[in-house]
Amino acid sequence: MSTTTSSSSVVSSPKVALGKLLWVGPLAIVGSVVANVFVRFVAVAVLNPPAEFLPLNIAQPIVLTVVGVVLAIVAFALVARFARNPIRTYQIVAAVALVVSLAPDVLLLANAGSAPFPGVNVGTVGALMLMHGVAWAICVAMFTNLTLEK
């Protein structure tokens, strides 16, 4: 009779230093705003949407990016505080949040005829969706890498 033993190694999840959010959070806000303003300028230059297309006016992308990133910071802080595996859990939460955040853009495109402003088309809505993805990528990358304990 032979006995087989196996050793299971427990991989510990990375620890998050929540205090680092004091500088990572503002950095994510600034990085996301700068990147989205760049996307907005390129989109306006290429697509030439009417001035009445409010989502691509300069103020709205900045304000909504700041609001979205602040919500991402709060979500990360809560996940980091309460989740057993905070990095993986936040990646899942962030992916779901990205999909949910795209819903208004999809609905805007699906109901382009009833939009409250002109200029709704695949290009303009695609630019809005790209801005969501840019802010998402910056937040996920920064939060899951720059907040880890050394």
Protein backbone atom coordinates (compact mmCIF):
# COMPACT_ATOMS: atom_id res chain seq x y z
CA MET A 1 0.00 0.00 0.00
CA SER A 2 1.39 3.36 -0.96
CA THR A 3 0.55 6.66 0.54
CA THR A 4 0.52 9.81 -1.49
CA THR A 5 0.95 13.11 0.17
CA SER A 6 0.37 16.40 -1.45
CA SER A 7 1.39 19.76 -0.30
CA SER A 8 -0.91 22.56 -1.16
CA SER A 9 0.62 25.95 -1.25
CA VAL A 10 -1.59 28.76 -0.22
CA VAL A 11 -1.04 31.82 -2.32
CA SER A 12 -1.75 34.89 -0.30
CA SER A 13 -3.44 37.77 -2.00
CA PRO A 14 -1.55 41.03 -2.18
CA LYS A 15 -2.16 43.43 0.66
CA VAL A 16 -3.43 46.92 -0.10
CA ALA A 17 -2.08 49.98 1.70
CA LEU A 18 -5.22 52.13 1.79
CA GLY A 19 -3.20 55.18 2.81
CA LYS A 20 -1.65 55.20 -0.66
CA LEU A 21 -5.05 56.17 -2.06
CA LEU A 22 -4.33 59.66 -0.72
CA TRP A 23 -1.96 60.17 -3.65
CA VAL A 24 -3.02 57.43 -6.06
CA GLY A 25 -6.64 58.66 -6.07
CA PRO A 26 -5.84 62.25 -7.14
CA LEU A 27 -3.29 60.92 -9.63
CA ALA A 28 -5.98 58.68 -11.15
CA ILE A 29 -8.36 61.65 -11.37
CA VAL A 30 -5.80 63.85 -13.11
CA GLY A 31 -4.59 61.07 -15.40
CA SER A 32 -8.12 60.10 -16.40
CA VAL A 33 -9.18 63.71 -17.03
CA VAL A 34 -6.08 64.46 -19.12
CA ALA A 35 -6.49 61.26 -21.14
CA ASN A 36 -10.20 61.83 -21.70
CA VAL A 37 -9.70 65.46 -22.71
CA PHE A 38 -7.21 64.18 -25.28
CA VAL A 39 -9.72 61.58 -26.54
CA ARG A 40 -12.36 64.30 -26.67
CA PHE A 41 -10.16 66.66 -28.71
CA VAL A 42 -9.29 63.91 -31.19
CA ALA A 43 -12.95 62.86 -31.44
CA VAL A 44 -14.11 66.42 -32.06
CA ALA A 45 -11.37 66.98 -34.66
CA VAL A 46 -12.16 63.75 -36.51
CA LEU A 47 -15.95 63.55 -36.12
CA ASN A 48 -16.84 67.26 -36.11
CA PRO A 49 -20.01 66.82 -34.03
CA PRO A 50 -22.47 69.71 -33.80
CA ALA A 51 -21.82 72.11 -30.92
CA GLU A 52 -25.17 71.05 -29.46
CA PHE A 53 -23.81 67.52 -28.87
CA LEU A 54 -23.27 68.19 -25.17
CA PRO A 55 -21.45 64.98 -24.21
CA LEU A 56 -18.45 66.08 -26.30
CA ASN A 57 -18.37 69.68 -25.10
CA ILE A 58 -15.32 70.28 -22.94
CA ALA A 59 -17.01 70.56 -19.54
CA GLN A 60 -19.16 67.43 -19.51
CA PRO A 61 -16.37 64.88 -20.08
CA ILE A 62 -14.26 66.53 -17.38
CA VAL A 63 -17.04 66.62 -14.77
CA LEU A 64 -18.28 63.11 -15.51
CA THR A 65 -14.73 61.71 -15.52
CA VAL A 66 -14.06 63.24 -12.09
CA VAL A 67 -17.35 61.86 -10.73
CA GLY A 68 -16.68 58.40 -12.19
CA VAL A 69 -13.14 58.21 -10.84
CA VAL A 70 -14.22 59.39 -7.38
CA LEU A 71 -16.80 56.58 -7.38
CA ALA A 72 -14.05 54.17 -8.46
CA ILE A 73 -11.86 55.35 -5.58
CA VAL A 74 -14.67 54.79 -3.08
CA ALA A 75 -15.39 51.35 -4.56
CA PHE A 76 -11.72 50.38 -4.40
CA ALA A 77 -11.42 51.57 -0.80
CA LEU A 78 -14.46 49.53 0.23
CA VAL A 79 -13.28 46.42 -1.62
CA ALA A 80 -9.75 46.78 -0.23
CA ARG A 81 -11.13 47.10 3.28
CA PHE A 82 -13.60 44.22 3.23
CA ALA A 83 -12.66 41.70 0.52
CA ARG A 84 -10.52 38.66 1.20
CA ASN A 85 -8.78 39.06 -2.17
CA PRO A 86 -9.11 42.80 -2.81
CA ILE A 87 -7.23 43.06 -6.10
CA ARG A 88 -9.11 40.29 -7.89
CA THR A 89 -12.41 41.39 -6.36
CA TYR A 90 -11.87 44.98 -7.49
CA GLN A 91 -10.99 43.85 -11.00
CA ILE A 92 -14.34 42.06 -11.17
CA VAL A 93 -16.26 44.97 -9.63
CA ALA A 94 -14.57 47.41 -12.03
CA ALA A 95 -15.38 45.25 -15.08
CA VAL A 96 -19.04 45.11 -14.07
CA ALA A 97 -19.05 48.86 -13.42
CA LEU A 98 -17.58 49.49 -16.88
CA VAL A 99 -20.30 47.46 -18.57
CA VAL A 100 -23.00 49.22 -16.53
CA SER A 101 -21.49 52.64 -17.33
CA LEU A 102 -21.79 51.92 -21.05
CA ALA A 103 -25.55 51.35 -20.83
CA PRO A 104 -26.53 55.04 -21.21
CA ASP A 105 -24.32 55.31 -24.30
CA VAL A 106 -25.85 52.20 -25.85
CA LEU A 107 -29.34 53.49 -25.06
CA LEU A 108 -28.47 56.87 -26.54
CA LEU A 109 -27.38 55.21 -29.77
CA ALA A 110 -30.38 52.87 -29.82
CA ASN A 111 -32.73 55.85 -29.46
CA ALA A 112 -30.76 58.38 -31.51
CA GLY A 113 -33.93 59.85 -33.01
CA SER A 114 -35.29 60.83 -29.62
CA ALA A 115 -31.99 62.17 -28.24
CA PRO A 116 -32.23 65.63 -26.64
CA PHE A 117 -29.43 66.90 -28.91
CA PRO A 118 -28.24 66.35 -32.50
CA GLY A 119 -25.13 64.44 -33.54
CA VAL A 120 -25.83 61.03 -32.05
CA ASN A 121 -24.17 58.40 -34.24
CA VAL A 122 -21.83 55.44 -33.95
CA GLY A 123 -18.76 57.68 -34.04
CA THR A 124 -19.80 60.12 -31.33
CA VAL A 125 -21.17 57.42 -29.05
CA GLY A 126 -18.07 55.32 -29.72
CA ALA A 127 -15.94 58.25 -28.54
CA LEU A 128 -17.97 58.45 -25.33
CA MET A 129 -17.55 54.72 -24.78
CA LEU A 130 -13.82 55.01 -25.41
CA MET A 131 -13.60 57.64 -22.67
CA HIS A 132 -15.27 55.21 -20.25
CA GLY A 133 -12.71 52.56 -21.18
CA VAL A 134 -9.78 54.94 -20.82
CA ALA A 135 -10.76 56.05 -17.31
CA TRP A 136 -11.51 52.44 -16.37
CA ALA A 137 -8.10 51.22 -17.56
CA ILE A 138 -6.26 54.01 -15.75
CA CYS A 139 -8.12 53.39 -12.49
CA VAL A 140 -7.76 49.61 -12.54
CA ALA A 141 -4.06 49.78 -13.42
CA MET A 142 -3.24 52.43 -10.83
CA PHE A 143 -5.34 51.10 -7.97
CA THR A 144 -4.27 47.48 -8.36
CA ASN A 145 -0.57 48.26 -8.71
CA LEU A 146 0.28 51.50 -6.93
CA THR A 147 -1.61 50.78 -3.70
CA LEU A 148 0.08 47.48 -2.88
CA GLU A 149 2.09 47.13 0.31
CA LYS A 150 5.78 46.67 -0.33
